[in-house]
PDB file of N, CA and C in Angstrom:
ATOM      1  N   MET A   1    -195.518 -46.440 -57.708  1.00  0.00           N
ATOM      2  CA  MET A   1    -193.835 -46.375 -56.863  1.00  0.00           C
ATOM      3  C   MET A   1    -192.605 -45.707 -57.176  1.00  0.00           C
ATOM      4  N   PRO A   2    -191.716 -44.840 -56.509  1.00  0.00           N
ATOM      5  CA  PRO A   2    -190.818 -44.797 -57.568  1.00  0.00           C
ATOM      6  C   PRO A   2    -189.847 -45.490 -57.947  1.00  0.00           C
ATOM      7  N   GLY A   3    -188.631 -45.282 -59.126  1.00  0.00           N
ATOM      8  CA  GLY A   3    -188.195 -46.260 -59.200  1.00  0.00           C
ATOM      9  C   GLY A   3    -186.818 -45.471 -58.898  1.00  0.00           C
ATOM     10  N   LYS A   4    -185.455 -46.343 -58.748  1.00  0.00           N
ATOM     11  CA  LYS A   4    -184.241 -45.772 -57.768  1.00  0.00           C
ATOM     12  C   LYS A   4    -184.123 -44.775 -58.101  1.00  0.00           C
ATOM     13  N   SER A   5    -183.458 -43.727 -59.591  1.00  0.00           N
ATOM     14  CA  SER A   5    -183.468 -42.484 -59.655  1.00  0.00           C
ATOM     15  C   SER A   5    -184.144 -42.283 -58.698  1.00  0.00           C
ATOM     16  N   ASP A   6    -185.255 -41.452 -58.467  1.00  0.00           N
ATOM     17  CA  ASP A   6    -186.288 -41.312 -57.814  1.00  0.00           C
ATOM     18  C   ASP A   6    -185.993 -41.627 -56.109  1.00  0.00           C
ATOM     19  N   LEU A   7    -185.563 -42.201 -55.651  1.00  0.00           N
ATOM     20  CA  LEU A   7    -185.677 -42.794 -53.842  1.00  0.00           C
ATOM     21  C   LEU A   7    -184.763 -41.484 -53.015  1.00  0.00           C
ATOM     22  N   PRO A   8    -185.054 -40.367 -52.359  1.00  0.00           N
ATOM     23  CA  PRO A   8    -184.510 -39.956 -51.157  1.00  0.00           C
ATOM     24  C   PRO A   8    -183.682 -40.141 -50.794  1.00  0.00           C
ATOM     25  N   GLN A   9    -181.764 -39.532 -50.346  1.00  0.00           N
ATOM     26  CA  GLN A   9    -180.760 -39.940 -50.165  1.00  0.00           C
ATOM     27  C   GLN A   9    -181.215 -40.773 -49.188  1.00  0.00           C
ATOM     28  N   GLY A  10    -180.463 -41.992 -48.861  1.00  0.00           N
ATOM     29  CA  GLY A  10    -179.820 -42.464 -47.927  1.00  0.00           C
ATOM     30  C   GLY A  10    -181.824 -43.593 -47.657  1.00  0.00           C
ATOM     31  N   THR A  11    -182.405 -43.054 -48.672  1.00  0.00           N
ATOM     32  CA  THR A  11    -183.794 -44.437 -48.517  1.00  0.00           C
ATOM     33  C   THR A  11    -183.337 -46.095 -48.992  1.00  0.00           C
ATOM     34  N   LEU A  12    -182.308 -45.799 -50.282  1.00  0.00           N
ATOM     35  CA  LEU A  12    -181.709 -47.245 -50.808  1.00  0.00           C
ATOM     36  C   LEU A  12    -181.088 -47.647 -49.602  1.00  0.00           C
ATOM     37  N   ASP A  13    -180.713 -47.142 -47.428  1.00  0.00           N
ATOM     38  CA  ASP A  13    -180.118 -47.970 -47.441  1.00  0.00           C
ATOM     39  C   ASP A  13    -180.734 -48.578 -45.521  1.00  0.00           C
ATOM     40  N   LEU A  14    -181.912 -47.472 -45.780  1.00  0.00           N
ATOM     41  CA  LEU A  14    -183.217 -47.807 -44.925  1.00  0.00           C
ATOM     42  C   LEU A  14    -183.691 -49.342 -46.053  1.00  0.00           C
ATOM     43  N   LEU A  15    -183.855 -49.790 -46.967  1.00  0.00           N
ATOM     44  CA  LEU A  15    -184.384 -50.554 -47.759  1.00  0.00           C
ATOM     45  C   LEU A  15    -183.776 -51.616 -47.876  1.00  0.00           C
ATOM     46  N   ILE A  16    -182.158 -51.791 -47.905  1.00  0.00           N
ATOM     47  CA  ILE A  16    -181.424 -52.451 -48.009  1.00  0.00           C
ATOM     48  C   ILE A  16    -181.661 -53.413 -46.202  1.00  0.00           C
ATOM     49  N   LEU A  17    -180.949 -52.497 -45.526  1.00  0.00           N
ATOM     50  CA  LEU A  17    -181.555 -52.607 -43.841  1.00  0.00           C
ATOM     51  C   LEU A  17    -182.355 -54.154 -43.280  1.00  0.00           C
ATOM     52  N   GLN A  18    -183.541 -53.399 -44.468  1.00  0.00           N
ATOM     53  CA  GLN A  18    -184.579 -53.585 -43.434  1.00  0.00           C
ATOM     54  C   GLN A  18    -184.570 -55.257 -44.670  1.00  0.00           C
ATOM     55  N   VAL A  19    -184.649 -55.500 -46.080  1.00  0.00           N
ATOM     56  CA  VAL A  19    -184.379 -56.761 -46.412  1.00  0.00           C
ATOM     57  C   VAL A  19    -183.815 -57.797 -46.025  1.00  0.00           C
ATOM     58  N   VAL A  20    -181.985 -57.303 -45.350  1.00  0.00           N
ATOM     59  CA  VAL A  20    -181.483 -58.455 -44.022  1.00  0.00           C
ATOM     60  C   VAL A  20    -181.465 -58.844 -43.545  1.00  0.00           C
ATOM     61  N   GLY A  21    -182.478 -57.787 -41.979  1.00  0.00           N
ATOM     62  CA  GLY A  21    -182.597 -57.816 -41.011  1.00  0.00           C
ATOM     63  C   GLY A  21    -183.841 -59.641 -41.207  1.00  0.00           C
ATOM     64  N   GLY A  22    -184.645 -59.784 -42.784  1.00  0.00           N
ATOM     65  CA  GLY A  22    -185.026 -60.941 -42.510  1.00  0.00           C
ATOM     66  C   GLY A  22    -184.291 -62.176 -42.721  1.00  0.00           C
ATOM     67  N   GLY A  23    -182.721 -62.119 -42.415  1.00  0.00           N
ATOM     68  CA  GLY A  23    -181.730 -62.994 -42.304  1.00  0.00           C
ATOM     69  C   GLY A  23    -180.400 -62.749 -43.408  1.00  0.00           C
ATOM     70  N   ALA A  24    -179.819 -63.089 -43.608  1.00  0.00           N
ATOM     71  CA  ALA A  24    -178.763 -63.835 -44.179  1.00  0.00           C
ATOM     72  C   ALA A  24    -178.814 -63.909 -46.110  1.00  0.00           C
ATOM     73  N   ILE A  25    -178.994 -63.268 -46.543  1.00  0.00           N
ATOM     74  CA  ILE A  25    -178.812 -62.666 -48.089  1.00  0.00           C
ATOM     75  C   ILE A  25    -177.731 -62.366 -48.986  1.00  0.00           C
ATOM     76  N   HIS A  26    -177.142 -62.625 -50.247  1.00  0.00           N
ATOM     77  CA  HIS A  26    -176.666 -62.288 -51.045  1.00  0.00           C
ATOM     78  C   HIS A  26    -177.282 -60.669 -51.840  1.00  0.00           C
ATOM     79  N   GLY A  27    -176.413 -60.165 -52.685  1.00  0.00           N
ATOM     80  CA  GLY A  27    -176.274 -58.834 -52.692  1.00  0.00           C
ATOM     81  C   GLY A  27    -178.314 -59.265 -53.722  1.00  0.00           C
ATOM     82  N   TYR A  28    -177.342 -60.258 -54.735  1.00  0.00           N
ATOM     83  CA  TYR A  28    -178.859 -60.719 -55.504  1.00  0.00           C
ATOM     84  C   TYR A  28    -179.915 -60.841 -55.543  1.00  0.00           C
ATOM     85  N   GLY A  29    -180.075 -61.758 -53.945  1.00  0.00           N
ATOM     86  CA  GLY A  29    -181.459 -61.929 -52.834  1.00  0.00           C
ATOM     87  C   GLY A  29    -181.590 -60.824 -53.067  1.00  0.00           C
ATOM     88  N   ILE A  30    -181.385 -59.961 -52.764  1.00  0.00           N
ATOM     89  CA  ILE A  30    -181.766 -57.931 -51.718  1.00  0.00           C
ATOM     90  C   ILE A  30    -182.041 -57.365 -52.930  1.00  0.00           C
ATOM     91  N   ALA A  31    -181.569 -57.480 -54.442  1.00  0.00           N
ATOM     92  CA  ALA A  31    -183.205 -57.043 -55.637  1.00  0.00           C
ATOM     93  C   ALA A  31    -183.891 -57.796 -56.139  1.00  0.00           C
ATOM     94  N   GLN A  32    -183.523 -58.494 -55.723  1.00  0.00           N
ATOM     95  CA  GLN A  32    -185.075 -59.439 -56.323  1.00  0.00           C
ATOM     96  C   GLN A  32    -185.750 -59.175 -55.141  1.00  0.00           C
ATOM     97  N   ARG A  33    -185.703 -59.453 -53.401  1.00  0.00           N
ATOM     98  CA  ARG A  33    -186.658 -59.165 -52.980  1.00  0.00           C
ATOM     99  C   ARG A  33    -187.408 -57.451 -52.865  1.00  0.00           C
ATOM    100  N   LEU A  34    -186.391 -56.459 -53.231  1.00  0.00           N
ATOM    101  CA  LEU A  34    -186.943 -56.173 -53.358  1.00  0.00           C
ATOM    102  C   LEU A  34    -187.836 -55.899 -55.185  1.00  0.00           C
ATOM    103  N   LYS A  35    -187.785 -56.069 -55.622  1.00  0.00           N
ATOM    104  CA  LYS A  35    -188.119 -56.057 -57.074  1.00  0.00           C
ATOM    105  C   LYS A  35    -189.300 -57.009 -56.416  1.00  0.00           C
ATOM    106  N   GLN A  36    -189.600 -57.871 -55.761  1.00  0.00           N
ATOM    107  CA  GLN A  36    -191.111 -59.002 -55.158  1.00  0.00           C
ATOM    108  C   GLN A  36    -192.201 -57.819 -54.585  1.00  0.00           C
ATOM    109  N   ILE A  37    -191.288 -57.089 -53.343  1.00  0.00           N
ATOM    110  CA  ILE A  37    -191.931 -56.890 -52.365  1.00  0.00           C
ATOM    111  C   ILE A  37    -192.500 -55.984 -52.919  1.00  0.00           C
ATOM    112  N   THR A  38    -191.907 -54.653 -53.925  1.00  0.00           N
ATOM    113  CA  THR A  38    -192.506 -53.528 -54.860  1.00  0.00           C
ATOM    114  C   THR A  38    -193.795 -54.261 -55.763  1.00  0.00           C
ATOM    115  N   ARG A  39    -193.582 -55.271 -56.027  1.00  0.00           N
ATOM    116  CA  ARG A  39    -194.219 -56.010 -57.373  1.00  0.00           C
ATOM    117  C   ARG A  39    -193.152 -54.844 -58.707  1.00  0.00           C
ATOM    118  N   ASP A  40    -191.715 -55.757 -58.498  1.00  0.00           N
ATOM    119  CA  ASP A  40    -191.581 -54.947 -59.591  1.00  0.00           C
ATOM    120  C   ASP A  40    -191.117 -53.926 -59.940  1.00  0.00           C
ATOM    121  N   ALA A  41    -191.773 -52.488 -59.072  1.00  0.00           N
ATOM    122  CA  ALA A  41    -192.092 -50.759 -59.394  1.00  0.00           C
ATOM    123  C   ALA A  41    -190.477 -50.447 -58.831  1.00  0.00           C
ATOM    124  N   LEU A  42    -190.144 -50.904 -57.979  1.00  0.00           N
ATOM    125  CA  LEU A  42    -188.134 -50.462 -58.230  1.00  0.00           C
ATOM    126  C   LEU A  42    -187.572 -52.234 -57.754  1.00  0.00           C
ATOM    127  N   GLN A  43    -186.845 -51.304 -58.479  1.00  0.00           N
ATOM    128  CA  GLN A  43    -185.650 -52.730 -59.282  1.00  0.00           C
ATOM    129  C   GLN A  43    -183.888 -51.450 -59.433  1.00  0.00           C
ATOM    130  N   ILE A  44    -184.139 -52.130 -58.185  1.00  0.00           N
ATOM    131  CA  ILE A  44    -182.616 -52.209 -58.300  1.00  0.00           C
ATOM    132  C   ILE A  44    -180.984 -52.460 -59.396  1.00  0.00           C
ATOM    133  N   ARG A  45    -180.289 -51.119 -59.335  1.00  0.00           N
ATOM    134  CA  ARG A  45    -179.131 -51.504 -60.835  1.00  0.00           C
ATOM    135  C   ARG A  45    -177.850 -52.456 -59.820  1.00  0.00           C
ATOM    136  N   GLN A  46    -177.387 -52.720 -60.214  1.00  0.00           N
ATOM    137  CA  GLN A  46    -175.741 -53.375 -59.357  1.00  0.00           C
ATOM    138  C   GLN A  46    -175.119 -51.969 -58.453  1.00  0.00           C
ATOM    139  N   GLY A  47    -175.725 -50.951 -60.258  1.00  0.00           N
ATOM    140  CA  GLY A  47    -174.571 -50.457 -59.932  1.00  0.00           C
ATOM    141  C   GLY A  47    -174.647 -49.336 -58.686  1.00  0.00           C
ATOM    142  N   SER A  48    -175.984 -49.146 -58.019  1.00  0.00           N
ATOM    143  CA  SER A  48    -175.988 -48.773 -56.696  1.00  0.00           C
ATOM    144  C   SER A  48    -176.703 -49.576 -55.772  1.00  0.00           C
ATOM    145  N   LEU A  49    -176.582 -50.934 -55.900  1.00  0.00           N
ATOM    146  CA  LEU A  49    -176.515 -51.342 -54.676  1.00  0.00           C
ATOM    147  C   LEU A  49    -175.049 -52.222 -54.280  1.00  0.00           C
ATOM    148  N   TYR A  50    -174.598 -52.659 -55.339  1.00  0.00           N
ATOM    149  CA  TYR A  50    -173.054 -52.957 -54.274  1.00  0.00           C
ATOM    150  C   TYR A  50    -172.338 -52.229 -54.158  1.00  0.00           C
ATOM    151  N   PRO A  51    -172.455 -50.534 -54.229  1.00  0.00           N
ATOM    152  CA  PRO A  51    -171.989 -49.425 -53.423  1.00  0.00           C
ATOM    153  C   PRO A  51    -172.871 -49.239 -52.169  1.00  0.00           C
ATOM    154  N   ALA A  52    -173.907 -49.531 -51.904  1.00  0.00           N
ATOM    155  CA  ALA A  52    -174.399 -49.400 -50.941  1.00  0.00           C
ATOM    156  C   ALA A  52    -174.661 -50.266 -49.865  1.00  0.00           C
ATOM    157  N   LEU A  53    -173.773 -51.822 -50.388  1.00  0.00           N
ATOM    158  CA  LEU A  53    -173.514 -52.153 -49.368  1.00  0.00           C
ATOM    159  C   LEU A  53    -172.298 -52.748 -48.714  1.00  0.00           C
ATOM    160  N   TYR A  54    -171.998 -52.338 -49.735  1.00  0.00           N
ATOM    161  CA  TYR A  54    -170.230 -52.129 -48.997  1.00  0.00           C
ATOM    162  C   TYR A  54    -169.788 -50.834 -48.317  1.00  0.00           C
ATOM    163  N   ARG A  55    -170.747 -49.384 -48.647  1.00  0.00           N
ATOM    164  CA  ARG A  55    -170.834 -48.663 -47.448  1.00  0.00           C
ATOM    165  C   ARG A  55    -171.631 -48.835 -45.976  1.00  0.00           C
ATOM    166  N   LEU A  56    -172.199 -50.149 -46.397  1.00  0.00           N
ATOM    167  CA  LEU A  56    -172.888 -50.538 -45.507  1.00  0.00           C
ATOM    168  C   LEU A  56    -172.111 -51.273 -43.835  1.00  0.00           C
ATOM    169  N   GLU A  57    -171.292 -52.282 -44.857  1.00  0.00           N
ATOM    170  CA  GLU A  57    -170.824 -52.887 -44.450  1.00  0.00           C
ATOM    171  C   GLU A  57    -169.670 -52.024 -42.782  1.00  0.00           C
ATOM    172  N   LYS A  58    -168.617 -51.477 -44.274  1.00  0.00           N
ATOM    173  CA  LYS A  58    -168.209 -50.450 -43.716  1.00  0.00           C
ATOM    174  C   LYS A  58    -167.715 -49.935 -42.700  1.00  0.00           C
ATOM    175  N   ARG A  59    -169.127 -49.470 -42.614  1.00  0.00           N
ATOM    176  CA  ARG A  59    -169.805 -48.643 -41.759  1.00  0.00           C
ATOM    177  C   ARG A  59    -170.256 -49.423 -39.883  1.00  0.00           C
ATOM    178  N   GLY A  60    -169.892 -51.427 -40.801  1.00  0.00           N
ATOM    179  CA  GLY A  60    -170.629 -51.181 -39.529  1.00  0.00           C
ATOM    180  C   GLY A  60    -171.587 -51.727 -39.849  1.00  0.00           C
ATOM    181  N   TYR A  61    -172.600 -51.886 -40.186  1.00  0.00           N
ATOM    182  CA  TYR A  61    -174.219 -52.198 -40.100  1.00  0.00           C
ATOM    183  C   TYR A  61    -174.270 -53.488 -40.328  1.00  0.00           C
ATOM    184  N   LEU A  62    -173.347 -53.954 -41.885  1.00  0.00           N
ATOM    185  CA  LEU A  62    -173.674 -54.874 -42.360  1.00  0.00           C
ATOM    186  C   LEU A  62    -172.318 -56.188 -42.155  1.00  0.00           C
ATOM    187  N   LYS A  63    -172.349 -56.948 -41.903  1.00  0.00           N
ATOM    188  CA  LYS A  63    -170.962 -58.173 -41.299  1.00  0.00           C
ATOM    189  C   LYS A  63    -171.552 -59.614 -42.808  1.00  0.00           C
ATOM    190  N   ALA A  64    -170.057 -59.397 -43.782  1.00  0.00           N
ATOM    191  CA  ALA A  64    -170.369 -60.302 -45.235  1.00  0.00           C
ATOM    192  C   ALA A  64    -169.672 -61.701 -44.626  1.00  0.00           C
ATOM    193  N   THR A  65    -170.556 -62.769 -45.924  1.00  0.00           N
ATOM    194  CA  THR A  65    -169.114 -64.113 -45.389  1.00  0.00           C
ATOM    195  C   THR A  65    -169.833 -64.649 -46.753  1.00  0.00           C
ATOM    196  N   TRP A  66    -168.713 -65.403 -47.116  1.00  0.00           N
ATOM    197  CA  TRP A  66    -168.577 -66.044 -48.369  1.00  0.00           C
ATOM    198  C   TRP A  66    -169.008 -67.372 -48.191  1.00  0.00           C
ATOM    199  N   LYS A  67    -170.113 -67.525 -48.994  1.00  0.00           N
ATOM    200  CA  LYS A  67    -170.648 -68.954 -49.370  1.00  0.00           C
ATOM    201  C   LYS A  67    -171.575 -69.610 -50.291  1.00  0.00           C
ATOM    202  N   THR A  68    -170.742 -71.245 -50.529  1.00  0.00           N
ATOM    203  CA  THR A  68    -171.161 -72.061 -51.527  1.00  0.00           C
ATOM    204  C   THR A  68    -172.141 -72.836 -52.140  1.00  0.00           C
ATOM    205  N   VAL A  69    -172.746 -71.260 -53.079  1.00  0.00           N
ATOM    206  CA  VAL A  69    -173.905 -71.876 -53.563  1.00  0.00           C
ATOM    207  C   VAL A  69    -174.096 -72.115 -54.657  1.00  0.00           C
ATOM    208  N   ALA A  70    -174.748 -73.774 -55.479  1.00  0.00           N
ATOM    209  CA  ALA A  70    -175.214 -74.562 -56.456  1.00  0.00           C
ATOM    210  C   ALA A  70    -173.262 -74.211 -57.180  1.00  0.00           C
ATOM    211  N   GLY A  71    -172.934 -74.561 -56.375  1.00  0.00           N
ATOM    212  CA  GLY A  71    -170.731 -74.339 -56.768  1.00  0.00           C
ATOM    213  C   GLY A  71    -170.778 -72.856 -57.461  1.00  0.00           C
ATOM    214  N   ARG A  72    -171.131 -71.944 -56.823  1.00  0.00           N
ATOM    215  CA  ARG A  72    -170.811 -70.330 -56.589  1.00  0.00           C
ATOM    216  C   ARG A  72    -170.903 -70.405 -55.602  1.00  0.00           C
ATOM    217  N   ASP A  73    -169.115 -68.917 -55.368  1.00  0.00           N
ATOM    218  CA  ASP A  73    -169.005 -68.194 -54.321  1.00  0.00           C
ATOM    219  C   ASP A  73    -170.152 -67.132 -54.218  1.00  0.00           C
ATOM    220  N   ALA A  74    -170.817 -66.800 -53.623  1.00  0.00           N
ATOM    221  CA  ALA A  74    -171.664 -65.279 -52.993  1.00  0.00           C
ATOM    222  C   ALA A  74    -171.122 -65.012 -52.139  1.00  0.00           C
ATOM    223  N   LYS A  75    -171.408 -63.768 -51.980  1.00  0.00           N
ATOM    224  CA  LYS A  75    -170.908 -63.255 -51.006  1.00  0.00           C
ATOM    225  C   LYS A  75    -172.327 -63.056 -50.016  1.00  0.00           C
ATOM    226  N   PHE A  76    -172.905 -63.426 -48.103  1.00  0.00           N
ATOM    227  CA  PHE A  76    -173.783 -62.852 -48.084  1.00  0.00           C
ATOM    228  C   PHE A  76    -173.808 -62.189 -47.213  1.00  0.00           C
ATOM    229  N   TYR A  77    -175.075 -61.234 -46.486  1.00  0.00           N
ATOM    230  CA  TYR A  77    -174.195 -60.663 -45.416  1.00  0.00           C
ATOM    231  C   TYR A  77    -175.994 -60.524 -44.177  1.00  0.00           C
ATOM    232  N   ALA A  78    -175.193 -60.047 -42.890  1.00  0.00           N
ATOM    233  CA  ALA A  78    -176.894 -60.598 -42.274  1.00  0.00           C
ATOM    234  C   ALA A  78    -175.741 -59.249 -41.217  1.00  0.00           C
ATOM    235  N   LEU A  79    -176.572 -58.722 -40.622  1.00  0.00           N
ATOM    236  CA  LEU A  79    -176.854 -57.489 -40.078  1.00  0.00           C
ATOM    237  C   LEU A  79    -176.257 -57.650 -38.509  1.00  0.00           C
ATOM    238  N   THR A  80    -175.749 -56.546 -38.267  1.00  0.00           N
ATOM    239  CA  THR A  80    -174.929 -56.322 -36.902  1.00  0.00           C
ATOM    240  C   THR A  80    -175.738 -55.728 -35.391  1.00  0.00           C
ATOM    241  N   LYS A  81    -175.336 -55.487 -34.557  1.00  0.00           N
ATOM    242  CA  LYS A  81    -175.866 -55.315 -33.508  1.00  0.00           C
ATOM    243  C   LYS A  81    -175.759 -54.181 -34.189  1.00  0.00           C
ATOM    244  N   ALA A  82    -175.294 -52.941 -34.733  1.00  0.00           N
ATOM    245  CA  ALA A  82    -174.819 -51.977 -34.448  1.00  0.00           C
ATOM    246  C   ALA A  82    -175.727 -52.188 -35.697  1.00  0.00           C
ATOM    247  N   GLY A  83    -176.048 -52.583 -37.093  1.00  0.00           N
ATOM    248  CA  GLY A  83    -176.881 -52.331 -38.013  1.00  0.00           C
ATOM    249  C   GLY A  83    -178.296 -52.254 -37.406  1.00  0.00           C
ATOM    250  N   GLU A  84    -178.518 -52.999 -37.001  1.00  0.00           N
ATOM    251  CA  GLU A  84    -179.791 -53.370 -36.069  1.00  0.00           C
ATOM    252  C   GLU A  84    -180.351 -52.410 -35.292  1.00  0.00           C
ATOM    253  N   ARG A  85    -179.632 -51.355 -34.550  1.00  0.00           N
ATOM    254  CA  ARG A  85    -180.266 -50.014 -33.873  1.00  0.00           C
ATOM    255  C   ARG A  85    -179.653 -49.440 -35.086  1.00  0.00           C
ATOM    256  N   GLN A  86    -179.704 -49.368 -36.383  1.00  0.00           N
ATOM    257  CA  GLN A  86    -179.481 -48.625 -37.838  1.00  0.00           C
ATOM    258  C   GLN A  86    -180.933 -48.295 -38.188  1.00  0.00           C
ATOM    259  N   LEU A  87    -181.502 -49.903 -38.596  1.00  0.00           N
ATOM    260  CA  LEU A  87    -182.150 -49.689 -38.603  1.00  0.00           C
ATOM    261  C   LEU A  87    -183.566 -49.542 -37.961  1.00  0.00           C
ATOM    262  N   GLU A  88    -183.709 -49.686 -36.687  1.00  0.00           N
ATOM    263  CA  GLU A  88    -184.181 -48.864 -36.237  1.00  0.00           C
ATOM    264  C   GLU A  88    -184.222 -47.480 -36.079  1.00  0.00           C
ATOM    265  N   HIS A  89    -183.601 -46.799 -36.293  1.00  0.00           N
ATOM    266  CA  HIS A  89    -183.036 -45.147 -35.807  1.00  0.00           C
ATOM    267  C   HIS A  89    -183.946 -44.583 -36.885  1.00  0.00           C
ATOM    268  N   GLU A  90    -183.374 -45.329 -38.085  1.00  0.00           N
ATOM    269  CA  GLU A  90    -183.102 -45.195 -40.154  1.00  0.00           C
ATOM    270  C   GLU A  90    -185.290 -44.846 -40.000  1.00  0.00           C
ATOM    271  N   SER A  91    -185.039 -46.695 -39.670  1.00  0.00           N
ATOM    272  CA  SER A  91    -187.275 -46.463 -39.797  1.00  0.00           C
ATOM    273  C   SER A  91    -187.746 -45.777 -39.179  1.00  0.00           C
ATOM    274  N   ALA A  92    -187.528 -45.344 -37.427  1.00  0.00           N
ATOM    275  CA  ALA A  92    -188.052 -44.413 -37.088  1.00  0.00           C
ATOM    276  C   ALA A  92    -188.529 -43.247 -37.725  1.00  0.00           C
ATOM    277  N   GLY A  93    -187.239 -42.091 -38.162  1.00  0.00           N
ATOM    278  CA  GLY A  93    -186.597 -41.127 -38.945  1.00  0.00           C
ATOM    279  C   GLY A  93    -187.896 -41.088 -39.663  1.00  0.00           C
ATOM    280  N   TRP A  94    -187.365 -42.036 -40.742  1.00  0.00           N
ATOM    281  CA  TRP A  94    -189.025 -42.570 -42.486  1.00  0.00           C
ATOM    282  C   TRP A  94    -190.092 -42.484 -41.521  1.00  0.00           C
ATOM    283  N   GLU A  95    -190.455 -42.465 -40.843  1.00  0.00           N
ATOM    284  CA  GLU A  95    -192.033 -42.012 -40.046  1.00  0.00           C
ATOM    285  C   GLU A  95    -191.985 -42.085 -39.335  1.00  0.00           C
ATOM    286  N   ARG A  96    -191.525 -40.595 -39.017  1.00  0.00           N
ATOM    287  CA  ARG A  96    -191.720 -39.177 -38.892  1.00  0.00           C
ATOM    288  C   ARG A  96    -191.758 -38.436 -39.955  1.00  0.00           C
ATOM    289  N   LEU A  97    -190.779 -38.498 -41.101  1.00  0.00           N
ATOM    290  CA  LEU A  97    -190.985 -37.490 -41.757  1.00  0.00           C
ATOM    291  C   LEU A  97    -192.671 -38.248 -42.855  1.00  0.00           C
ATOM    292  N   SER A  98    -192.359 -38.901 -42.789  1.00  0.00           N
ATOM    293  CA  SER A  98    -194.128 -39.446 -44.003  1.00  0.00           C
ATOM    294  C   SER A  98    -194.907 -39.303 -42.910  1.00  0.00           C
ATOM    295  N   ALA A  99    -195.398 -38.651 -41.274  1.00  0.00           N
ATOM    296  CA  ALA A  99    -195.735 -38.560 -40.829  1.00  0.00           C
ATOM    297  C   ALA A  99    -196.143 -37.528 -41.280  1.00  0.00           C
ATOM    298  N   VAL A 100    -195.702 -36.590 -40.586  1.00  0.00           N
ATOM    299  CA  VAL A 100    -195.585 -35.329 -41.589  1.00  0.00           C
ATOM    300  C   VAL A 100    -196.110 -34.280 -42.669  1.00  0.00           C
ATOM    301  N   VAL A 101    -195.578 -35.531 -43.220  1.00  0.00           N
ATOM    302  CA  VAL A 101    -196.172 -34.833 -45.013  1.00  0.00           C
ATOM    303  C   VAL A 101    -197.765 -35.710 -45.215  1.00  0.00           C
ATOM    304  N   ARG A 102    -197.732 -36.619 -44.801  1.00  0.00           N
ATOM    305  CA  ARG A 102    -198.924 -36.874 -44.623  1.00  0.00           C
ATOM    306  C   ARG A 102    -200.687 -35.574 -44.337  1.00  0.00           C
ATOM    307  N   LEU A 103    -199.718 -35.497 -42.719  1.00  0.00           N
ATOM    308  CA  LEU A 103    -200.218 -34.177 -42.925  1.00  0.00           C
ATOM    309  C   LEU A 103    -200.181 -33.221 -43.371  1.00  0.00           C
ATOM    310  N   VAL A 104    -199.368 -33.071 -43.838  1.00  0.00           N
ATOM    311  CA  VAL A 104    -199.448 -31.400 -44.990  1.00  0.00           C
ATOM    312  C   VAL A 104    -200.308 -31.388 -46.270  1.00  0.00           C
ATOM    313  N   LEU A 105    -200.447 -33.396 -46.350  1.00  0.00           N
ATOM    314  CA  LEU A 105    -200.818 -33.366 -47.881  1.00  0.00           C
ATOM    315  C   LEU A 105    -202.521 -32.751 -47.590  1.00  0.00           C
ATOM    316  N   GLU A 106    -203.042 -33.297 -46.060  1.00  0.00           N
ATOM    317  CA  GLU A 106    -204.117 -33.937 -45.971  1.00  0.00           C
ATOM    318  C   GLU A 106    -204.753 -32.388 -45.533  1.00  0.00           C
ATOM    319  N   THR A 107    -203.933 -31.473 -44.988  1.00  0.00           N
ATOM    320  CA  THR A 107    -204.169 -30.441 -44.789  1.00  0.00           C
ATOM    321  C   THR A 107    -204.294 -29.523 -45.434  1.00  0.00           C
ATOM    322  N   ALA A 108    -202.696 -28.967 -46.591  1.00  0.00           N
ATOM    323  CA  ALA A 108    -202.797 -27.680 -46.519  1.00  0.00           C
ATOM    324  C   ALA A 108    -203.401 -27.335 -47.992  1.00  0.00           C
ATOM    325  N   LYS A 109    -204.675 -26.793 -48.280  1.00  0.00           N
ATOM    326  CA  LYS A 109    -205.218 -26.873 -49.749  1.00  0.00           C
ATOM    327  C   LYS A 109    -205.545 -25.636 -49.418  1.00  0.00           C
TER     328      LYS A 109
END
């Protein structure tokens, strides 16, 4: 599995939207969930994660609310309706691209 630097452009946004689609979650939780799902193969650095979260929030795909957890304030992110549509759009695009790449890999020898 590729590391962050190996991710195609825009892939991080798709992964974030997918994780947040599972329910409201804070930034650190998103990073931990991606690490868990990929069995430590993908570790997103804060320097990449938080600018992506800010960008997705600015575009209207995420809505952020502050909550206090264990005595600390944390910004929790949730998908907006626009975020749900964007997730569907990006997922479909990724599936099409994956199918095309798979076709080439299987037949072009």
